[in-house]
């Protein structure tokens, strides 16, 4: 496969996954801000949404206040934000056009119809929470349709494997960032772990990674921060956990290595991160510092992206 084709497939999957993640982040933030002030106190949940998306600095270069109107506009519709949902869908379609023959008809139809709806239905944004809810559902359904089409219709060859690399690399980064924001930034100093604000923020985070029901199935307990961290970091059975993402990254990189006849730095680096996750225990992670552990993971994940680009996409 040409490196340019592999790059388009890789970024196509990343953009679709990023759009879904932003939609889930906005949806979860709306749920928390709908609670009475006695529960959420003085915290600005929209600031946390910006931190989770990694665009806080760029947001304040365009807006003075992080309120619902401004943050939704910036995360969902702004052309000035390279990672907005609008730009993600635009870039996904650009990449899919470049590799049209490598996609199945179902995958192309999903991205192309989403792009058309974005122009014709959502071109002017949303004017109410009801319209916003419909837009977010549209984004989630687009991602699910695309991912399902890829899983059910693509040949298991290098096109599929590069697409999966993009998806799982993006997903791992998103899960790590939202967990880090909660533990390191979100809970004010005067609040305590286990309080009302803490409970609703954890519920919001589990909803944003579609894991609230999964948590209760796995642990059968009330929400506890260390169990939530265990679910999102080490539990292989949760598709969005960091460990599950790296299990998939290792498998897909190994498939590419077999198909191309050699292993490389990307395979070695992914296996190193995967082995570290496999041999980690939550007690050790908390003793060392969860923030430090996640920051190291985010750096390693970004490094893997760079290595994949140098090894296959340039």
Protein backbone atom coordinates (compact mmCIF):
# COMPACT_ATOMS: atom_id res chain seq x y z
CA UNK A 1 0.00 0.00 0.00
CA UNK A 2 1.20 3.52 -0.77
CA UNK A 3 2.14 5.50 2.33
CA UNK A 4 -0.23 8.27 1.26
CA UNK A 5 -3.16 5.85 1.17
CA UNK A 6 -2.24 4.44 4.58
CA UNK A 7 -2.03 7.98 5.98
CA UNK A 8 -5.48 8.90 4.65
CA UNK A 9 -7.06 5.78 6.16
CA UNK A 10 -5.27 6.35 9.46
CA UNK A 11 -6.43 9.97 9.77
CA UNK A 12 -9.92 9.24 8.49
CA UNK A 13 -10.47 6.91 11.45
CA UNK A 14 -8.89 9.39 13.88
CA UNK A 15 -11.13 12.24 12.78
CA UNK A 16 -14.31 10.17 13.05
CA UNK A 17 -13.34 8.95 16.53
CA UNK A 18 -12.44 12.49 17.62
CA UNK A 19 -15.80 13.86 16.44
CA UNK A 20 -17.62 11.19 18.46
CA UNK A 21 -15.54 11.90 21.54
CA UNK A 22 -16.26 15.64 21.36
CA UNK A 23 -19.97 14.93 20.98
CA UNK A 24 -19.88 12.69 24.05
CA UNK A 25 -17.96 15.34 26.01
CA UNK A 26 -20.52 18.04 25.19
CA UNK A 27 -23.42 15.70 26.00
CA UNK A 28 -21.92 14.71 29.36
CA UNK A 29 -21.21 18.35 30.27
CA UNK A 30 -24.79 19.32 29.46
CA UNK A 31 -26.00 16.63 31.87
CA UNK A 32 -23.90 17.97 34.73
CA UNK A 33 -24.76 21.62 34.13
CA UNK A 34 -28.46 20.71 34.21
CA UNK A 35 -28.10 19.74 37.89
CA UNK A 36 -29.05 22.21 40.66
CA UNK A 37 -26.28 24.53 41.90
CA UNK A 38 -26.34 22.78 45.27
CA UNK A 39 -24.83 19.74 43.52
CA UNK A 40 -22.34 21.33 41.14
CA UNK A 41 -21.30 24.27 43.33
CA UNK A 42 -19.05 26.94 41.83
CA UNK A 43 -17.20 24.78 39.31
CA UNK A 44 -17.28 25.67 35.62
CA UNK A 45 -17.95 22.39 33.85
CA UNK A 46 -17.48 24.08 30.47
CA UNK A 47 -13.88 24.85 31.41
CA UNK A 48 -13.40 21.15 32.13
CA UNK A 49 -14.83 20.28 28.70
CA UNK A 50 -12.21 22.52 27.08
CA UNK A 51 -9.43 20.96 29.15
CA UNK A 52 -10.61 17.48 28.27
CA UNK A 53 -10.62 18.36 24.56
CA UNK A 54 -7.15 19.89 24.89
CA UNK A 55 -8.19 23.24 23.38
CA UNK A 56 -8.42 25.50 26.43
CA UNK A 57 -5.57 27.82 25.37
CA UNK A 58 -6.81 28.28 21.82
CA UNK A 59 -10.40 28.84 23.05
CA UNK A 60 -9.42 31.85 25.13
CA UNK A 61 -7.70 33.42 22.16
CA UNK A 62 -11.17 33.68 20.55
CA UNK A 63 -13.54 34.02 23.53
CA UNK A 64 -13.49 35.78 26.89
CA UNK A 65 -15.78 33.43 28.82
CA UNK A 66 -16.24 29.66 28.92
CA UNK A 67 -20.03 29.41 28.93
CA UNK A 68 -22.37 26.95 27.21
CA UNK A 69 -22.92 29.03 24.08
CA UNK A 70 -19.24 29.77 23.47
CA UNK A 71 -17.89 26.32 24.28
CA UNK A 72 -20.50 24.47 22.22
CA UNK A 73 -19.82 26.78 19.30
CA UNK A 74 -16.06 26.26 19.57
CA UNK A 75 -16.10 22.49 20.10
CA UNK A 76 -18.87 21.71 17.62
CA UNK A 77 -19.08 24.27 14.84
CA UNK A 78 -16.13 26.68 14.84
CA UNK A 79 -13.95 26.72 11.73
CA UNK A 80 -11.24 28.38 13.84
CA UNK A 81 -10.86 25.23 15.95
CA UNK A 82 -8.99 22.57 13.93
CA UNK A 83 -10.47 19.86 16.16
CA UNK A 84 -14.11 20.99 16.13
CA UNK A 85 -16.72 18.43 15.15
CA UNK A 86 -17.38 20.36 11.93
CA UNK A 87 -13.71 20.30 10.95
CA UNK A 88 -13.35 16.64 11.95
CA UNK A 89 -16.19 15.63 9.62
CA UNK A 90 -14.83 17.91 6.86
CA UNK A 91 -11.36 16.38 7.18
CA UNK A 92 -12.76 12.86 7.38
CA UNK A 93 -14.54 13.38 4.06
CA UNK A 94 -11.41 14.88 2.45
CA UNK A 95 -9.42 11.84 3.51
CA UNK A 96 -12.14 9.42 2.41
CA UNK A 97 -12.31 11.04 -1.05
CA UNK A 98 -8.58 10.49 -1.43
CA UNK A 99 -8.93 6.76 -0.71
CA UNK A 100 -12.39 6.19 -2.16
CA UNK A 101 -11.36 2.91 -3.81
CA UNK A 102 -9.96 1.56 -0.50
CA UNK A 103 -13.30 2.05 1.28
CA UNK A 104 -16.42 -0.06 1.02
CA UNK A 105 -19.55 1.61 -0.33
CA UNK A 106 -21.12 1.58 3.13
CA UNK A 107 -18.19 3.46 4.66
CA UNK A 108 -18.15 6.07 1.91
CA UNK A 109 -21.92 6.58 2.06
CA UNK A 110 -21.75 7.14 5.83
CA UNK A 111 -19.07 9.83 5.63
CA UNK A 112 -20.44 11.50 2.52
CA UNK A 113 -24.03 11.66 3.79
CA UNK A 114 -22.79 13.02 7.15
CA UNK A 115 -20.88 15.75 5.31
CA UNK A 116 -23.95 16.65 3.24
CA UNK A 117 -26.15 16.82 6.35
CA UNK A 118 -23.52 18.98 8.05
CA UNK A 119 -23.79 21.51 5.21
CA UNK A 120 -27.54 21.40 4.64
CA UNK A 121 -29.02 20.73 8.07
CA UNK A 122 -26.41 21.93 10.57
CA UNK A 123 -24.67 24.63 8.55
CA UNK A 124 -25.89 27.41 10.86
CA UNK A 125 -25.32 25.55 14.10
CA UNK A 126 -28.04 24.93 16.69
CA UNK A 127 -30.41 27.41 18.34
CA UNK A 128 -31.71 25.38 21.28
CA UNK A 129 -30.72 22.52 23.55
CA UNK A 130 -33.20 20.31 21.73
CA UNK A 131 -31.49 21.00 18.39
CA UNK A 132 -28.09 20.50 20.01
CA UNK A 133 -29.17 17.11 21.37
CA UNK A 134 -30.26 16.10 17.86
CA UNK A 135 -26.94 17.24 16.43
CA UNK A 136 -24.93 15.30 19.00
CA UNK A 137 -27.03 12.21 18.31
CA UNK A 138 -26.34 12.68 14.60
CA UNK A 139 -22.57 12.74 15.27
CA UNK A 140 -22.68 9.65 17.50
CA UNK A 141 -24.76 7.71 14.98
CA UNK A 142 -22.41 8.70 12.16
CA UNK A 143 -19.42 7.37 14.09
CA UNK A 144 -21.21 4.16 15.04
CA UNK A 145 -22.34 3.60 11.43
CA UNK A 146 -18.84 4.20 10.11
CA UNK A 147 -17.14 1.98 12.67
CA UNK A 148 -19.74 -0.75 12.21
CA UNK A 149 -19.42 -0.58 8.43
CA UNK A 150 -15.64 -0.88 8.67
CA UNK A 151 -15.86 -3.86 11.02
CA UNK A 152 -18.53 -5.68 9.01
CA UNK A 153 -17.48 -4.95 5.41
CA UNK A 154 -13.73 -4.35 5.10
CA UNK A 155 -11.26 -7.02 4.08
CA UNK A 156 -8.82 -7.83 6.87
CA UNK A 157 -5.81 -6.39 5.06
CA UNK A 158 -3.48 -3.44 5.52
CA UNK A 159 -6.25 -0.92 4.72
CA UNK A 160 -8.26 -2.23 7.66
CA UNK A 161 -5.26 -2.41 9.97
CA UNK A 162 -4.15 1.18 9.33
CA UNK A 163 -7.71 2.36 9.89
CA UNK A 164 -7.80 0.54 13.24
CA UNK A 165 -4.47 2.05 14.25
CA UNK A 166 -5.91 5.54 13.88
CA UNK A 167 -9.06 4.67 15.79
CA UNK A 168 -7.36 3.05 18.79
CA UNK A 169 -4.57 5.62 19.05
CA UNK A 170 -7.13 8.44 19.15
CA UNK A 171 -9.37 6.56 21.58
CA UNK A 172 -6.51 5.85 23.99
CA UNK A 173 -5.52 9.52 24.04
CA UNK A 174 -9.10 10.64 24.67
CA UNK A 175 -9.67 8.24 27.57
CA UNK A 176 -6.39 9.21 29.22
CA UNK A 177 -7.09 12.93 28.94
CA UNK A 178 -10.57 12.84 30.42
CA UNK A 179 -9.36 10.75 33.37
CA UNK A 180 -6.42 13.08 33.96
CA UNK A 181 -8.58 16.21 33.88
CA UNK A 182 -10.90 14.73 36.51
CA UNK A 183 -8.20 13.66 38.93
CA UNK A 184 -5.74 16.50 38.51
CA UNK A 185 -7.83 19.55 37.61
CA UNK A 186 -11.57 19.20 37.95
CA UNK A 187 -12.38 18.74 41.65
CA UNK A 188 -11.83 22.01 43.60
CA UNK A 189 -9.59 21.92 46.65
CA UNK A 190 -12.48 22.69 49.02
CA UNK A 191 -14.46 19.71 47.72
CA UNK A 192 -13.83 16.20 48.97
CA UNK A 193 -13.74 12.87 47.20
CA UNK A 194 -17.10 11.18 47.56
CA UNK A 195 -19.12 14.39 47.83
CA UNK A 196 -22.12 15.25 45.61
CA UNK A 197 -19.98 17.18 43.10
CA UNK A 198 -17.50 14.33 42.93
CA UNK A 199 -20.24 11.74 42.31
CA UNK A 200 -21.88 13.62 39.46
CA UNK A 201 -18.58 14.41 37.78
CA UNK A 202 -17.61 10.73 37.83
CA UNK A 203 -21.00 9.81 36.40
CA UNK A 204 -20.43 12.38 33.67
CA UNK A 205 -17.02 10.94 32.85
CA UNK A 206 -18.33 7.38 32.62
CA UNK A 207 -21.11 8.57 30.32
CA UNK A 208 -18.60 10.37 28.10
CA UNK A 209 -16.81 7.06 27.43
CA UNK A 210 -20.06 5.07 27.34
CA UNK A 211 -19.05 3.07 30.41
CA UNK A 212 -21.59 3.83 33.16
CA UNK A 213 -23.54 0.62 32.67
CA UNK A 214 -20.31 -1.34 32.14
CA UNK A 215 -19.00 -0.10 35.50
CA UNK A 216 -22.00 -1.49 37.36
CA UNK A 217 -21.79 -4.77 35.47
CA UNK A 218 -18.11 -5.24 36.31
CA UNK A 219 -17.92 -4.00 39.92
CA UNK A 220 -21.53 -4.10 41.19
CA UNK A 221 -20.76 -1.24 43.58
CA UNK A 222 -21.46 2.46 43.92
CA UNK A 223 -19.09 4.77 42.07
CA UNK A 224 -15.61 4.69 43.58
CA UNK A 225 -12.76 6.69 42.00
CA UNK A 226 -10.17 3.90 42.23
CA UNK A 227 -12.51 1.40 40.59
CA UNK A 228 -13.36 3.86 37.82
CA UNK A 229 -9.65 4.41 37.23
CA UNK A 230 -9.13 0.64 37.15
CA UNK A 231 -11.92 0.28 34.56
CA UNK A 232 -10.62 3.03 32.29
CA UNK A 233 -6.92 2.12 32.56
CA UNK A 234 -6.46 -1.61 33.13
CA UNK A 235 -9.69 -3.43 32.26
CA UNK A 236 -9.29 -5.18 28.89
CA UNK A 237 -13.02 -5.91 28.65
CA UNK A 238 -13.91 -2.21 28.22
CA UNK A 239 -13.34 -1.22 24.56
CA UNK A 240 -12.36 2.35 25.46
CA UNK A 241 -9.92 1.48 28.24
CA UNK A 242 -6.26 2.36 27.72
CA UNK A 243 -5.28 -1.30 28.09
CA UNK A 244 -7.83 -2.50 25.54
CA UNK A 245 -6.75 0.16 23.05
CA UNK A 246 -3.13 -0.96 23.32
CA UNK A 247 -4.06 -4.60 22.99
CA UNK A 248 -5.68 -3.70 19.67
CA UNK A 249 -2.77 -1.48 18.62
CA UNK A 250 -0.29 -4.29 19.22
CA UNK A 251 -2.40 -6.79 17.28
CA UNK A 252 -2.90 -4.52 14.29
CA UNK A 253 0.74 -3.46 14.18
CA UNK A 254 1.78 -7.13 14.33
CA UNK A 255 -0.57 -7.89 11.42
CA UNK A 256 1.05 -5.10 9.40
CA UNK A 257 4.49 -6.38 10.37
CA UNK A 258 3.64 -9.89 9.16
CA UNK A 259 2.11 -8.59 5.91
CA UNK A 260 5.13 -6.39 5.15
CA UNK A 261 7.68 -8.96 6.26
CA UNK A 262 9.36 -7.06 9.08
CA UNK A 263 8.82 -5.58 12.51
CA UNK A 264 9.99 -2.12 13.48
CA UNK A 265 10.11 0.59 16.12
CA UNK A 266 6.31 1.00 16.15
CA UNK A 267 5.76 -2.65 17.09
CA UNK A 268 8.42 -2.50 19.81
CA UNK A 269 7.09 0.73 21.30
CA UNK A 270 3.46 -0.45 21.34
CA UNK A 271 4.45 -3.74 23.00
CA UNK A 272 6.42 -1.81 25.62
CA UNK A 273 3.41 0.32 26.56
CA UNK A 274 1.12 -2.71 26.50
CA UNK A 275 3.47 -4.70 28.78
CA UNK A 276 3.63 -1.82 31.25
CA UNK A 277 -0.16 -1.68 31.41
CA UNK A 278 -0.43 -5.48 31.78
CA UNK A 279 1.96 -5.50 34.74
CA UNK A 280 0.52 -2.43 36.50
CA UNK A 281 -1.62 -2.52 39.63
CA UNK A 282 -3.89 0.31 40.72
CA UNK A 283 -2.28 0.47 44.17
CA UNK A 284 1.12 1.05 42.59
CA UNK A 285 -0.28 3.61 40.14
CA UNK A 286 -1.91 5.65 42.94
CA UNK A 287 1.18 5.39 45.12
CA UNK A 288 3.37 6.71 42.33
CA UNK A 289 0.80 9.33 41.29
CA UNK A 290 -2.06 8.88 38.85
CA UNK A 291 -1.40 12.20 37.12
CA UNK A 292 2.22 11.29 36.50
CA UNK A 293 1.23 7.84 35.20
CA UNK A 294 -1.32 9.27 32.77
CA UNK A 295 0.98 12.05 31.59
CA UNK A 296 3.63 9.45 30.81
CA UNK A 297 1.03 7.39 28.95
CA UNK A 298 -0.13 10.40 26.90
CA UNK A 299 3.48 11.16 25.97
CA UNK A 300 4.09 7.52 25.01
CA UNK A 301 0.89 7.47 22.97
CA UNK A 302 1.91 10.61 21.09
CA UNK A 303 5.34 9.10 20.55
CA UNK A 304 3.75 5.99 19.03
CA UNK A 305 1.84 8.21 16.61
CA UNK A 306 5.11 9.84 15.54
CA UNK A 307 6.82 6.47 15.10
CA UNK A 308 3.95 5.08 13.03
CA UNK A 309 4.11 8.17 10.82
CA UNK A 310 7.86 7.81 10.26
CA UNK A 311 7.74 4.06 9.76
CA UNK A 312 4.70 3.81 7.46
CA UNK A 313 3.09 7.13 6.54
CA UNK A 314 5.97 9.23 5.16
